[in-house]
Amino acid sequence: MNVIINGAAHELPSGATVAQAVQKLTEAVSGVAVALNDEVVSRGAWSSTTLSEADRVEVLTAVQGG
């Protein structure tokens, strides 16, 4: 299945979850936020929220600095 993660196409297995999409981009365990089709997905729902063909996932990571 093809999904868009941070603007780029990625191939994921059918039934893939938001958690799997996040793992495609980062191994960070904190400071990460996710939106699926413009709706924020709470961290507790990542592993139970399945993706569909052509879904848009935005993965945002916190950055320190000034």
PDB file of N, CA and C in Angstrom:
ATOM      1  N   MET A   1       0.854  -1.161   0.000  1.00  0.00           N
ATOM      2  CA  MET A   1       0.000   0.000   0.000  1.00  0.00           C
ATOM      3  C   MET A   1       0.903   1.229   0.000  1.00  0.00           C
ATOM      4  N   ASN A   2       0.488   2.244  -0.714  1.00  0.00           N
ATOM      5  CA  ASN A   2       1.258   3.473  -0.838  1.00  0.00           C
ATOM      6  C   ASN A   2       0.645   4.556   0.040  1.00  0.00           C
ATOM      7  N   VAL A   3       1.464   5.146   0.931  1.00  0.00           N
ATOM      8  CA  VAL A   3       1.019   6.261   1.766  1.00  0.00           C
ATOM      9  C   VAL A   3       2.024   7.401   1.617  1.00  0.00           C
ATOM     10  N   ILE A   4       1.594   8.587   1.946  1.00  0.00           N
ATOM     11  CA  ILE A   4       2.460   9.768   1.872  1.00  0.00           C
ATOM     12  C   ILE A   4       2.895  10.108   3.294  1.00  0.00           C
ATOM     13  N   ILE A   5       4.198  10.055   3.546  1.00  0.00           N
ATOM     14  CA  ILE A   5       4.740  10.392   4.854  1.00  0.00           C
ATOM     15  C   ILE A   5       5.630  11.616   4.691  1.00  0.00           C
ATOM     16  N   ASN A   6       5.255  12.701   5.347  1.00  0.00           N
ATOM     17  CA  ASN A   6       5.989  13.968   5.245  1.00  0.00           C
ATOM     18  C   ASN A   6       6.228  14.363   3.791  1.00  0.00           C
ATOM     19  N   GLY A   7       5.206  14.176   2.962  1.00  0.00           N
ATOM     20  CA  GLY A   7       5.270  14.619   1.573  1.00  0.00           C
ATOM     21  C   GLY A   7       5.905  13.662   0.596  1.00  0.00           C
ATOM     22  N   ALA A   8       6.416  12.529   1.044  1.00  0.00           N
ATOM     23  CA  ALA A   8       7.065  11.564   0.160  1.00  0.00           C
ATOM     24  C   ALA A   8       6.315  10.235   0.185  1.00  0.00           C
ATOM     25  N   ALA A   9       6.226   9.595  -0.965  1.00  0.00           N
ATOM     26  CA  ALA A   9       5.541   8.308  -1.066  1.00  0.00           C
ATOM     27  C   ALA A   9       6.377   7.218  -0.403  1.00  0.00           C
ATOM     28  N   HIS A  10       5.702   6.363   0.357  1.00  0.00           N
ATOM     29  CA  HIS A  10       6.337   5.214   1.012  1.00  0.00           C
ATOM     30  C   HIS A  10       5.440   4.005   0.826  1.00  0.00           C
ATOM     31  N   GLU A  11       6.058   2.865   0.578  1.00  0.00           N
ATOM     32  CA  GLU A  11       5.327   1.616   0.458  1.00  0.00           C
ATOM     33  C   GLU A  11       5.310   0.938   1.820  1.00  0.00           C
ATOM     34  N   LEU A  12       4.122   0.644   2.318  1.00  0.00           N
ATOM     35  CA  LEU A  12       3.957  -0.054   3.593  1.00  0.00           C
ATOM     36  C   LEU A  12       3.074  -1.267   3.361  1.00  0.00           C
ATOM     37  N   PRO A  13       3.208  -2.287   4.192  1.00  0.00           N
ATOM     38  CA  PRO A  13       2.355  -3.469   4.033  1.00  0.00           C
ATOM     39  C   PRO A  13       0.892  -3.135   4.334  1.00  0.00           C
ATOM     40  N   SER A  14      -0.002  -3.858   3.715  1.00  0.00           N
ATOM     41  CA  SER A  14      -1.423  -3.683   3.988  1.00  0.00           C
ATOM     42  C   SER A  14      -1.680  -3.882   5.475  1.00  0.00           C
ATOM     43  N   GLY A  15      -2.496  -3.012   6.062  1.00  0.00           N
ATOM     44  CA  GLY A  15      -2.789  -3.096   7.485  1.00  0.00           C
ATOM     45  C   GLY A  15      -1.756  -2.426   8.367  1.00  0.00           C
ATOM     46  N   ALA A  16      -0.809  -1.695   7.761  1.00  0.00           N
ATOM     47  CA  ALA A  16       0.219  -1.001   8.539  1.00  0.00           C
ATOM     48  C   ALA A  16      -0.427   0.033   9.449  1.00  0.00           C
ATOM     49  N   THR A  17       0.252   0.330  10.546  1.00  0.00           N
ATOM     50  CA  THR A  17      -0.259   1.274  11.535  1.00  0.00           C
ATOM     51  C   THR A  17       0.516   2.585  11.496  1.00  0.00           C
ATOM     52  N   VAL A  18      -0.013   3.565  12.208  1.00  0.00           N
ATOM     53  CA  VAL A  18       0.686   4.842  12.356  1.00  0.00           C
ATOM     54  C   VAL A  18       2.058   4.602  12.990  1.00  0.00           C
ATOM     55  N   ALA A  19       2.143   3.710  13.961  1.00  0.00           N
ATOM     56  CA  ALA A  19       3.419   3.416  14.615  1.00  0.00           C
ATOM     57  C   ALA A  19       4.454   2.941  13.599  1.00  0.00           C
ATOM     58  N   GLN A  20       4.054   2.121  12.653  1.00  0.00           N
ATOM     59  CA  GLN A  20       4.980   1.637  11.630  1.00  0.00           C
ATOM     60  C   GLN A  20       5.419   2.772  10.706  1.00  0.00           C
ATOM     61  N   ALA A  21       4.524   3.689  10.407  1.00  0.00           N
ATOM     62  CA  ALA A  21       4.875   4.835   9.573  1.00  0.00           C
ATOM     63  C   ALA A  21       5.900   5.712  10.282  1.00  0.00           C
ATOM     64  N   VAL A  22       5.714   5.915  11.584  1.00  0.00           N
ATOM     65  CA  VAL A  22       6.656   6.717  12.363  1.00  0.00           C
ATOM     66  C   VAL A  22       8.037   6.062  12.341  1.00  0.00           C
ATOM     67  N   GLN A  23       8.085   4.751  12.470  1.00  0.00           N
ATOM     68  CA  GLN A  23       9.362   4.030  12.478  1.00  0.00           C
ATOM     69  C   GLN A  23      10.101   4.160  11.153  1.00  0.00           C
ATOM     70  N   LYS A  24       9.388   4.428  10.069  1.00  0.00           N
ATOM     71  CA  LYS A  24      10.029   4.646   8.772  1.00  0.00           C
ATOM     72  C   LYS A  24      10.918   5.887   8.796  1.00  0.00           C
ATOM     73  N   LEU A  25      10.555   6.872   9.635  1.00  0.00           N
ATOM     74  CA  LEU A  25      11.269   8.144   9.637  1.00  0.00           C
ATOM     75  C   LEU A  25      12.196   8.352  10.822  1.00  0.00           C
ATOM     76  N   THR A  26      11.815   7.846  11.980  1.00  0.00           N
ATOM     77  CA  THR A  26      12.607   8.135  13.169  1.00  0.00           C
ATOM     78  C   THR A  26      12.498   6.995  14.171  1.00  0.00           C
ATOM     79  N   GLU A  27      13.552   6.837  14.936  1.00  0.00           N
ATOM     80  CA  GLU A  27      13.524   5.872  16.033  1.00  0.00           C
ATOM     81  C   GLU A  27      13.353   6.578  17.369  1.00  0.00           C
ATOM     82  N   ALA A  28      13.114   7.888  17.314  1.00  0.00           N
ATOM     83  CA  ALA A  28      12.900   8.664  18.537  1.00  0.00           C
ATOM     84  C   ALA A  28      11.666   8.144  19.262  1.00  0.00           C
ATOM     85  N   VAL A  29      11.752   8.096  20.576  1.00  0.00           N
ATOM     86  CA  VAL A  29      10.626   7.613  21.373  1.00  0.00           C
ATOM     87  C   VAL A  29       9.916   8.749  22.107  1.00  0.00           C
ATOM     88  N   SER A  30      10.491   9.929  22.085  1.00  0.00           N
ATOM     89  CA  SER A  30       9.837  11.077  22.708  1.00  0.00           C
ATOM     90  C   SER A  30       9.982  12.280  21.790  1.00  0.00           C
ATOM     91  N   GLY A  31       9.156  13.280  22.023  1.00  0.00           N
ATOM     92  CA  GLY A  31       9.229  14.498  21.219  1.00  0.00           C
ATOM     93  C   GLY A  31       8.718  14.319  19.804  1.00  0.00           C
ATOM     94  N   VAL A  32       7.805  13.360  19.596  1.00  0.00           N
ATOM     95  CA  VAL A  32       7.263  13.091  18.263  1.00  0.00           C
ATOM     96  C   VAL A  32       5.750  13.287  18.297  1.00  0.00           C
ATOM     97  N   ALA A  33       5.232  13.970  17.286  1.00  0.00           N
ATOM     98  CA  ALA A  33       3.789  14.143  17.127  1.00  0.00           C
ATOM     99  C   ALA A  33       3.409  13.680  15.722  1.00  0.00           C
ATOM    100  N   VAL A  34       2.175  13.176  15.591  1.00  0.00           N
ATOM    101  CA  VAL A  34       1.737  12.638  14.308  1.00  0.00           C
ATOM    102  C   VAL A  34       0.344  13.156  13.968  1.00  0.00           C
ATOM    103  N   ALA A  35       0.159  13.502  12.696  1.00  0.00           N
ATOM    104  CA  ALA A  35      -1.159  13.829  12.168  1.00  0.00           C
ATOM    105  C   ALA A  35      -1.444  12.881  11.008  1.00  0.00           C
ATOM    106  N   LEU A  36      -2.649  12.361  10.973  1.00  0.00           N
ATOM    107  CA  LEU A  36      -3.105  11.487   9.897  1.00  0.00           C
ATOM    108  C   LEU A  36      -4.231  12.199   9.175  1.00  0.00           C
ATOM    109  N   ASN A  37      -4.000  12.506   7.904  1.00  0.00           N
ATOM    110  CA  ASN A  37      -4.988  13.245   7.109  1.00  0.00           C
ATOM    111  C   ASN A  37      -5.465  14.501   7.848  1.00  0.00           C
ATOM    112  N   ASP A  38      -4.505  15.245   8.372  1.00  0.00           N
ATOM    113  CA  ASP A  38      -4.717  16.530   9.045  1.00  0.00           C
ATOM    114  C   ASP A  38      -5.375  16.437  10.415  1.00  0.00           C
ATOM    115  N   GLU A  39      -5.443  15.251  10.999  1.00  0.00           N
ATOM    116  CA  GLU A  39      -5.999  15.064  12.346  1.00  0.00           C
ATOM    117  C   GLU A  39      -4.907  14.484  13.249  1.00  0.00           C
ATOM    118  N   VAL A  40      -4.683  15.113  14.401  1.00  0.00           N
ATOM    119  CA  VAL A  40      -3.668  14.629  15.337  1.00  0.00           C
ATOM    120  C   VAL A  40      -4.061  13.250  15.855  1.00  0.00           C
ATOM    121  N   VAL A  41      -3.064  12.360  15.927  1.00  0.00           N
ATOM    122  CA  VAL A  41      -3.273  11.015  16.467  1.00  0.00           C
ATOM    123  C   VAL A  41      -2.508  10.937  17.783  1.00  0.00           C
ATOM    124  N   SER A  42      -3.190  10.639  18.862  1.00  0.00           N
ATOM    125  CA  SER A  42      -2.521  10.548  20.160  1.00  0.00           C
ATOM    126  C   SER A  42      -1.558   9.366  20.167  1.00  0.00           C
ATOM    127  N   ARG A  43      -0.486   9.507  20.911  1.00  0.00           N
ATOM    128  CA  ARG A  43       0.547   8.464  20.958  1.00  0.00           C
ATOM    129  C   ARG A  43      -0.049   7.108  21.348  1.00  0.00           C
ATOM    130  N   GLY A  44      -1.000   7.101  22.248  1.00  0.00           N
ATOM    131  CA  GLY A  44      -1.616   5.861  22.679  1.00  0.00           C
ATOM    132  C   GLY A  44      -2.385   5.142  21.580  1.00  0.00           C
ATOM    133  N   ALA A  45      -2.728   5.859  20.519  1.00  0.00           N
ATOM    134  CA  ALA A  45      -3.497   5.265  19.422  1.00  0.00           C
ATOM    135  C   ALA A  45      -2.635   4.883  18.221  1.00  0.00           C
ATOM    136  N   TRP A  46      -1.348   5.164  18.256  1.00  0.00           N
ATOM    137  CA  TRP A  46      -0.486   4.878  17.111  1.00  0.00           C
ATOM    138  C   TRP A  46      -0.534   3.414  16.683  1.00  0.00           C
ATOM    139  N   SER A  47      -0.419   2.507  17.632  1.00  0.00           N
ATOM    140  CA  SER A  47      -0.330   1.086  17.272  1.00  0.00           C
ATOM    141  C   SER A  47      -1.681   0.489  16.887  1.00  0.00           C
ATOM    142  N   SER A  48      -2.776   1.177  17.187  1.00  0.00           N
ATOM    143  CA  SER A  48      -4.095   0.647  16.843  1.00  0.00           C
ATOM    144  C   SER A  48      -4.753   1.392  15.676  1.00  0.00           C
ATOM    145  N   THR A  49      -4.101   2.440  15.178  1.00  0.00           N
ATOM    146  CA  THR A  49      -4.656   3.205  14.059  1.00  0.00           C
ATOM    147  C   THR A  49      -4.051   2.691  12.765  1.00  0.00           C
ATOM    148  N   THR A  50      -4.876   2.023  11.959  1.00  0.00           N
ATOM    149  CA  THR A  50      -4.382   1.467  10.705  1.00  0.00           C
ATOM    150  C   THR A  50      -4.475   2.502   9.587  1.00  0.00           C
ATOM    151  N   LEU A  51      -3.586   2.343   8.637  1.00  0.00           N
ATOM    152  CA  LEU A  51      -3.522   3.249   7.499  1.00  0.00           C
ATOM    153  C   LEU A  51      -4.228   2.644   6.297  1.00  0.00           C
ATOM    154  N   SER A  52      -4.667   3.510   5.397  1.00  0.00           N
ATOM    155  CA  SER A  52      -5.304   3.095   4.148  1.00  0.00           C
ATOM    156  C   SER A  52      -4.503   3.663   2.983  1.00  0.00           C
ATOM    157  N   GLU A  53      -4.704   3.101   1.821  1.00  0.00           N
ATOM    158  CA  GLU A  53      -4.058   3.568   0.600  1.00  0.00           C
ATOM    159  C   GLU A  53      -4.216   5.078   0.465  1.00  0.00           C
ATOM    160  N   ALA A  54      -3.107   5.762   0.152  1.00  0.00           N
ATOM    161  CA  ALA A  54      -3.063   7.207  -0.119  1.00  0.00           C
ATOM    162  C   ALA A  54      -3.287   8.081   1.113  1.00  0.00           C
ATOM    163  N   ASP A  55      -3.250   7.504   2.321  1.00  0.00           N
ATOM    164  CA  ASP A  55      -3.315   8.331   3.525  1.00  0.00           C
ATOM    165  C   ASP A  55      -2.118   9.270   3.564  1.00  0.00           C
ATOM    166  N   ARG A  56      -2.305  10.420   4.215  1.00  0.00           N
ATOM    167  CA  ARG A  56      -1.236  11.398   4.402  1.00  0.00           C
ATOM    168  C   ARG A  56      -0.856  11.434   5.875  1.00  0.00           C
ATOM    169  N   VAL A  57       0.397  11.138   6.151  1.00  0.00           N
ATOM    170  CA  VAL A  57       0.909  11.108   7.518  1.00  0.00           C
ATOM    171  C   VAL A  57       1.978  12.189   7.652  1.00  0.00           C
ATOM    172  N   GLU A  58       1.856  13.008   8.675  1.00  0.00           N
ATOM    173  CA  GLU A  58       2.883  14.003   8.986  1.00  0.00           C
ATOM    174  C   GLU A  58       3.500  13.629  10.324  1.00  0.00           C
ATOM    175  N   VAL A  59       4.814  13.457  10.328  1.00  0.00           N
ATOM    176  CA  VAL A  59       5.550  13.115  11.547  1.00  0.00           C
ATOM    177  C   VAL A  59       6.420  14.312  11.887  1.00  0.00           C
ATOM    178  N   LEU A  60       6.195  14.870  13.073  1.00  0.00           N
ATOM    179  CA  LEU A  60       6.932  16.043  13.519  1.00  0.00           C
ATOM    180  C   LEU A  60       7.762  15.686  14.741  1.00  0.00           C
ATOM    181  N   THR A  61       9.014  16.107  14.741  1.00  0.00           N
ATOM    182  CA  THR A  61       9.876  15.852  15.897  1.00  0.00           C
ATOM    183  C   THR A  61      10.309  17.173  16.505  1.00  0.00           C
ATOM    184  N   ALA A  62      10.408  17.183  17.817  1.00  0.00           N
ATOM    185  CA  ALA A  62      10.847  18.378  18.533  1.00  0.00           C
ATOM    186  C   ALA A  62      12.340  18.586  18.317  1.00  0.00           C
ATOM    187  N   VAL A  63      12.731  19.835  18.212  1.00  0.00           N
ATOM    188  CA  VAL A  63      14.135  20.180  18.024  1.00  0.00           C
ATOM    189  C   VAL A  63      14.523  21.207  19.070  1.00  0.00           C
ATOM    190  N   GLN A  64      15.635  20.977  19.755  1.00  0.00           N
ATOM    191  CA  GLN A  64      16.115  21.939  20.745  1.00  0.00           C
ATOM    192  C   GLN A  64      16.985  22.978  20.064  1.00  0.00           C
ATOM    193  N   GLY A  65      17.083  24.111  20.692  1.00  0.00           N
ATOM    194  CA  GLY A  65      17.948  25.149  20.162  1.00  0.00           C
ATOM    195  C   GLY A  65      17.293  26.504  20.288  1.00  0.00           C
ATOM    196  N   GLY A  66      17.973  27.487  19.799  1.00  0.00           N
ATOM    197  CA  GLY A  66      17.392  28.808  19.936  1.00  0.00           C
ATOM    198  C   GLY A  66      17.753  29.720  18.835  1.00  0.00           C
TER     199      GLY A  66
END
